[in-house]
Amino acid sequence: MTVPLLRKHGFSIKDCISHANPLSLPVALCATITYTINGWGKIPVSGFLGYISLTTLAILIVTGGVGISISQRNLPKIADGWHARLYVLLLIAVLVAMLS
């Protein structure tokens, strides 16, 4: 909700996303702690920390780092209007993935 709110007040999409991203960290940390505590000892397979798969965690960290480095080089070349449209398409893709 942060990005649409900031867009409505005239910020560029680049500024909106860069301001919204730090808000993801506290949410992710709370979810990680909750999934670790609630799932502690419930999955008997090794490679899990509570409900968190350590393999998946490692893959997400590596691919996230690659995505950040690619974005830093290429996003300044994308016009603000296109960036905003691509952001909406990304949100729709996430919604579809979550519903399927």
N, C-alpha and C. Protein backbone atom coordinates (compact mmCIF):
# COMPACT_ATOMS: atom_id res chain seq x y z
N MET A 1 0.81 -1.20 0.00
CA MET A 1 0.00 0.00 0.00
C MET A 1 0.85 1.26 0.00
N THR A 2 2.11 1.14 0.36
CA THR A 2 2.98 2.31 0.43
C THR A 2 3.24 2.89 -0.95
N VAL A 3 3.51 2.01 -1.92
CA VAL A 3 3.84 2.50 -3.27
C VAL A 3 2.67 3.25 -3.89
N PRO A 4 1.44 2.70 -3.90
CA PRO A 4 0.33 3.48 -4.48
C PRO A 4 0.09 4.80 -3.74
N LEU A 5 0.26 4.79 -2.42
CA LEU A 5 0.05 6.02 -1.65
C LEU A 5 1.06 7.09 -2.04
N LEU A 6 2.33 6.71 -2.13
CA LEU A 6 3.36 7.68 -2.52
C LEU A 6 3.19 8.13 -3.97
N ARG A 7 2.78 7.19 -4.86
CA ARG A 7 2.53 7.57 -6.26
C ARG A 7 1.43 8.62 -6.33
N LYS A 8 0.39 8.43 -5.53
CA LYS A 8 -0.73 9.36 -5.52
C LYS A 8 -0.29 10.76 -5.11
N HIS A 9 0.76 10.84 -4.29
CA HIS A 9 1.26 12.14 -3.83
C HIS A 9 2.38 12.68 -4.70
N GLY A 10 2.57 12.08 -5.89
CA GLY A 10 3.46 12.66 -6.88
C GLY A 10 4.90 12.18 -6.89
N PHE A 11 5.24 11.16 -6.13
CA PHE A 11 6.61 10.65 -6.15
C PHE A 11 6.84 9.78 -7.38
N SER A 12 8.07 9.71 -7.85
CA SER A 12 8.39 8.82 -8.96
C SER A 12 8.34 7.39 -8.45
N ILE A 13 8.13 6.43 -9.37
CA ILE A 13 8.04 5.03 -8.96
C ILE A 13 9.33 4.56 -8.31
N LYS A 14 10.47 5.07 -8.80
CA LYS A 14 11.76 4.69 -8.23
C LYS A 14 11.84 5.11 -6.77
N ASP A 15 11.40 6.32 -6.47
CA ASP A 15 11.40 6.80 -5.08
C ASP A 15 10.40 6.03 -4.22
N CYS A 16 9.24 5.71 -4.80
CA CYS A 16 8.22 4.98 -4.04
C CYS A 16 8.74 3.61 -3.62
N ILE A 17 9.36 2.90 -4.56
CA ILE A 17 9.85 1.56 -4.26
C ILE A 17 11.00 1.61 -3.27
N SER A 18 11.89 2.58 -3.46
CA SER A 18 13.02 2.66 -2.53
C SER A 18 12.58 3.05 -1.12
N HIS A 19 11.48 3.76 -0.99
CA HIS A 19 10.96 4.10 0.34
C HIS A 19 10.16 2.94 0.94
N ALA A 20 9.54 2.13 0.11
CA ALA A 20 8.71 1.03 0.62
C ALA A 20 9.55 -0.19 1.00
N ASN A 21 10.67 -0.40 0.33
CA ASN A 21 11.47 -1.61 0.59
C ASN A 21 11.93 -1.75 2.04
N PRO A 22 12.37 -0.70 2.72
CA PRO A 22 12.78 -0.89 4.13
C PRO A 22 11.64 -1.37 5.03
N LEU A 23 10.40 -1.12 4.64
CA LEU A 23 9.27 -1.60 5.44
C LEU A 23 9.12 -3.11 5.35
N SER A 24 9.69 -3.73 4.33
CA SER A 24 9.61 -5.18 4.17
C SER A 24 10.45 -5.91 5.21
N LEU A 25 11.53 -5.31 5.64
CA LEU A 25 12.44 -5.99 6.58
C LEU A 25 11.78 -6.35 7.91
N PRO A 26 11.10 -5.43 8.60
CA PRO A 26 10.47 -5.82 9.87
C PRO A 26 9.39 -6.89 9.67
N VAL A 27 8.65 -6.82 8.58
CA VAL A 27 7.62 -7.83 8.31
C VAL A 27 8.28 -9.19 8.11
N ALA A 28 9.36 -9.23 7.32
CA ALA A 28 10.06 -10.48 7.06
C ALA A 28 10.67 -11.06 8.33
N LEU A 29 11.23 -10.21 9.16
CA LEU A 29 11.83 -10.70 10.41
C LEU A 29 10.78 -11.27 11.36
N CYS A 30 9.64 -10.60 11.47
CA CYS A 30 8.56 -11.12 12.33
C CYS A 30 8.05 -12.46 11.80
N ALA A 31 7.87 -12.56 10.49
CA ALA A 31 7.41 -13.82 9.90
C ALA A 31 8.43 -14.93 10.10
N THR A 32 9.71 -14.61 9.95
CA THR A 32 10.75 -15.61 10.13
C THR A 32 10.77 -16.13 11.56
N ILE A 33 10.68 -15.23 12.50
CA ILE A 33 10.67 -15.65 13.91
C ILE A 33 9.43 -16.50 14.21
N THR A 34 8.28 -16.09 13.70
CA THR A 34 7.05 -16.83 13.93
C THR A 34 7.11 -18.23 13.31
N TYR A 35 7.57 -18.33 12.07
CA TYR A 35 7.67 -19.63 11.40
C TYR A 35 8.71 -20.52 12.08
N THR A 36 9.75 -19.94 12.60
CA THR A 36 10.77 -20.73 13.30
C THR A 36 10.22 -21.27 14.62
N ILE A 37 9.59 -20.43 15.40
CA ILE A 37 9.07 -20.84 16.71
C ILE A 37 7.90 -21.82 16.56
N ASN A 38 6.93 -21.48 15.69
CA ASN A 38 5.75 -22.33 15.54
C ASN A 38 6.08 -23.69 14.94
N GLY A 39 7.10 -23.76 14.10
CA GLY A 39 7.43 -25.01 13.45
C GLY A 39 8.55 -25.79 14.10
N TRP A 40 9.05 -25.30 15.23
CA TRP A 40 10.20 -25.94 15.88
C TRP A 40 9.87 -27.40 16.22
N GLY A 41 10.63 -28.32 15.63
CA GLY A 41 10.47 -29.74 15.89
C GLY A 41 9.30 -30.41 15.19
N LYS A 42 8.55 -29.69 14.38
CA LYS A 42 7.37 -30.28 13.71
C LYS A 42 7.72 -30.92 12.37
N ILE A 43 8.86 -30.54 11.78
CA ILE A 43 9.31 -31.16 10.53
C ILE A 43 10.55 -31.98 10.87
N PRO A 44 10.43 -33.31 10.79
CA PRO A 44 11.54 -34.16 11.23
C PRO A 44 12.71 -34.24 10.25
N VAL A 45 12.58 -33.66 9.09
CA VAL A 45 13.64 -33.71 8.07
C VAL A 45 14.71 -32.67 8.40
N SER A 46 15.98 -33.03 8.16
CA SER A 46 17.04 -32.04 8.38
C SER A 46 16.99 -30.99 7.27
N GLY A 47 17.59 -29.86 7.52
CA GLY A 47 17.58 -28.78 6.54
C GLY A 47 16.46 -27.79 6.74
N PHE A 48 15.78 -27.90 7.85
CA PHE A 48 14.69 -26.97 8.17
C PHE A 48 14.97 -26.31 9.51
N LEU A 49 14.62 -25.05 9.59
CA LEU A 49 14.66 -24.31 10.84
C LEU A 49 13.21 -23.95 11.15
N GLY A 50 12.54 -24.75 11.93
CA GLY A 50 11.09 -24.61 12.09
C GLY A 50 10.44 -25.01 10.79
N TYR A 51 9.62 -24.13 10.25
CA TYR A 51 8.99 -24.37 8.95
C TYR A 51 9.83 -23.84 7.79
N ILE A 52 10.98 -23.26 8.05
CA ILE A 52 11.78 -22.60 7.02
C ILE A 52 12.78 -23.58 6.43
N SER A 53 12.69 -23.76 5.11
CA SER A 53 13.65 -24.59 4.40
C SER A 53 14.93 -23.79 4.19
N LEU A 54 16.03 -24.29 4.70
CA LEU A 54 17.30 -23.57 4.59
C LEU A 54 17.80 -23.53 3.14
N THR A 55 17.49 -24.58 2.35
CA THR A 55 17.86 -24.58 0.93
C THR A 55 17.12 -23.47 0.19
N THR A 56 15.82 -23.38 0.42
CA THR A 56 15.03 -22.33 -0.22
C THR A 56 15.49 -20.95 0.24
N LEU A 57 15.81 -20.81 1.51
CA LEU A 57 16.32 -19.55 2.03
C LEU A 57 17.60 -19.14 1.32
N ALA A 58 18.51 -20.08 1.14
CA ALA A 58 19.77 -19.78 0.45
C ALA A 58 19.53 -19.37 -1.00
N ILE A 59 18.63 -20.08 -1.68
CA ILE A 59 18.30 -19.75 -3.08
C ILE A 59 17.71 -18.34 -3.17
N LEU A 60 16.81 -18.01 -2.25
CA LEU A 60 16.20 -16.68 -2.26
C LEU A 60 17.23 -15.58 -2.01
N ILE A 61 18.17 -15.83 -1.12
CA ILE A 61 19.20 -14.83 -0.83
C ILE A 61 20.09 -14.61 -2.04
N VAL A 62 20.52 -15.70 -2.68
CA VAL A 62 21.41 -15.58 -3.85
C VAL A 62 20.68 -14.91 -5.02
N THR A 63 19.47 -15.39 -5.34
CA THR A 63 18.76 -14.80 -6.48
C THR A 63 18.33 -13.36 -6.19
N GLY A 64 18.03 -13.06 -4.93
CA GLY A 64 17.72 -11.67 -4.58
C GLY A 64 18.91 -10.75 -4.79
N GLY A 65 20.10 -11.22 -4.41
CA GLY A 65 21.32 -10.43 -4.65
C GLY A 65 21.58 -10.21 -6.13
N VAL A 66 21.37 -11.26 -6.94
CA VAL A 66 21.54 -11.12 -8.39
C VAL A 66 20.51 -10.14 -8.95
N GLY A 67 19.26 -10.26 -8.50
CA GLY A 67 18.21 -9.35 -8.97
C GLY A 67 18.50 -7.90 -8.61
N ILE A 68 19.03 -7.68 -7.42
CA ILE A 68 19.37 -6.31 -7.01
C ILE A 68 20.47 -5.74 -7.88
N SER A 69 21.50 -6.54 -8.15
CA SER A 69 22.60 -6.03 -8.97
C SER A 69 22.15 -5.74 -10.40
N ILE A 70 21.28 -6.59 -10.96
CA ILE A 70 20.76 -6.33 -12.30
C ILE A 70 19.88 -5.09 -12.31
N SER A 71 19.05 -4.95 -11.28
CA SER A 71 18.16 -3.79 -11.20
C SER A 71 18.92 -2.48 -11.07
N GLN A 72 19.99 -2.49 -10.30
CA GLN A 72 20.75 -1.25 -10.12
C GLN A 72 21.31 -0.75 -11.44
N ARG A 73 21.68 -1.67 -12.31
CA ARG A 73 22.24 -1.27 -13.60
C ARG A 73 21.17 -0.89 -14.62
N ASN A 74 20.01 -1.55 -14.58
CA ASN A 74 19.03 -1.39 -15.65
C ASN A 74 17.85 -0.49 -15.34
N LEU A 75 17.45 -0.38 -14.09
CA LEU A 75 16.26 0.41 -13.78
C LEU A 75 16.39 1.89 -14.10
N PRO A 76 17.57 2.50 -13.94
CA PRO A 76 17.65 3.92 -14.31
C PRO A 76 17.36 4.16 -15.80
N LYS A 77 17.47 3.13 -16.63
CA LYS A 77 17.23 3.28 -18.07
C LYS A 77 15.75 3.19 -18.42
N ILE A 78 14.92 2.69 -17.50
CA ILE A 78 13.50 2.50 -17.76
C ILE A 78 12.75 3.77 -17.36
N ALA A 79 11.88 4.24 -18.26
CA ALA A 79 11.08 5.44 -18.00
C ALA A 79 10.12 5.19 -16.84
N ASP A 80 9.77 6.25 -16.13
CA ASP A 80 8.93 6.14 -14.93
C ASP A 80 7.59 5.47 -15.23
N GLY A 81 6.96 5.82 -16.33
CA GLY A 81 5.66 5.24 -16.68
C GLY A 81 5.74 3.74 -16.90
N TRP A 82 6.77 3.30 -17.60
CA TRP A 82 6.97 1.87 -17.84
C TRP A 82 7.31 1.15 -16.55
N HIS A 83 8.10 1.78 -15.72
CA HIS A 83 8.47 1.18 -14.44
C HIS A 83 7.22 0.97 -13.59
N ALA A 84 6.32 1.93 -13.58
CA ALA A 84 5.08 1.81 -12.82
C ALA A 84 4.21 0.67 -13.37
N ARG A 85 4.12 0.55 -14.69
CA ARG A 85 3.33 -0.54 -15.29
C ARG A 85 3.94 -1.90 -14.97
N LEU A 86 5.27 -1.99 -15.06
CA LEU A 86 5.94 -3.26 -14.75
C LEU A 86 5.75 -3.64 -13.29
N TYR A 87 5.72 -2.66 -12.42
CA TYR A 87 5.50 -2.92 -11.00
C TYR A 87 4.11 -3.52 -10.78
N VAL A 88 3.11 -2.97 -11.45
CA VAL A 88 1.75 -3.51 -11.33
C VAL A 88 1.70 -4.94 -11.88
N LEU A 89 2.36 -5.19 -13.02
CA LEU A 89 2.40 -6.54 -13.57
C LEU A 89 3.08 -7.51 -12.60
N LEU A 90 4.12 -7.07 -11.93
CA LEU A 90 4.79 -7.91 -10.94
C LEU A 90 3.83 -8.25 -9.79
N LEU A 91 3.08 -7.28 -9.32
CA LEU A 91 2.11 -7.54 -8.25
C LEU A 91 1.03 -8.52 -8.70
N ILE A 92 0.57 -8.39 -9.95
CA ILE A 92 -0.42 -9.32 -10.47
C ILE A 92 0.17 -10.73 -10.57
N ALA A 93 1.43 -10.84 -11.02
CA ALA A 93 2.07 -12.15 -11.11
C ALA A 93 2.20 -12.79 -9.74
N VAL A 94 2.52 -12.01 -8.71
CA VAL A 94 2.60 -12.53 -7.36
C VAL A 94 1.23 -13.00 -6.87
N LEU A 95 0.20 -12.24 -7.17
CA LEU A 95 -1.16 -12.62 -6.78
C LEU A 95 -1.56 -13.94 -7.44
N VAL A 96 -1.29 -14.08 -8.74
CA VAL A 96 -1.61 -15.31 -9.45
C VAL A 96 -0.84 -16.49 -8.86
N ALA A 97 0.42 -16.28 -8.56
CA ALA A 97 1.23 -17.36 -7.97
C ALA A 97 0.70 -17.76 -6.61
N MET A 98 0.22 -16.81 -5.84
CA MET A 98 -0.29 -17.11 -4.51
C MET A 98 -1.64 -17.83 -4.58
N LEU A 99 -2.43 -17.51 -5.60
CA LEU A 99 -3.75 -18.13 -5.72
C LEU A 99 -3.69 -19.53 -6.32
N SER A 100 -2.62 -19.84 -7.03
CA SER A 100 -2.55 -21.16 -7.67
C SER A 100 -1.88 -22.19 -6.80
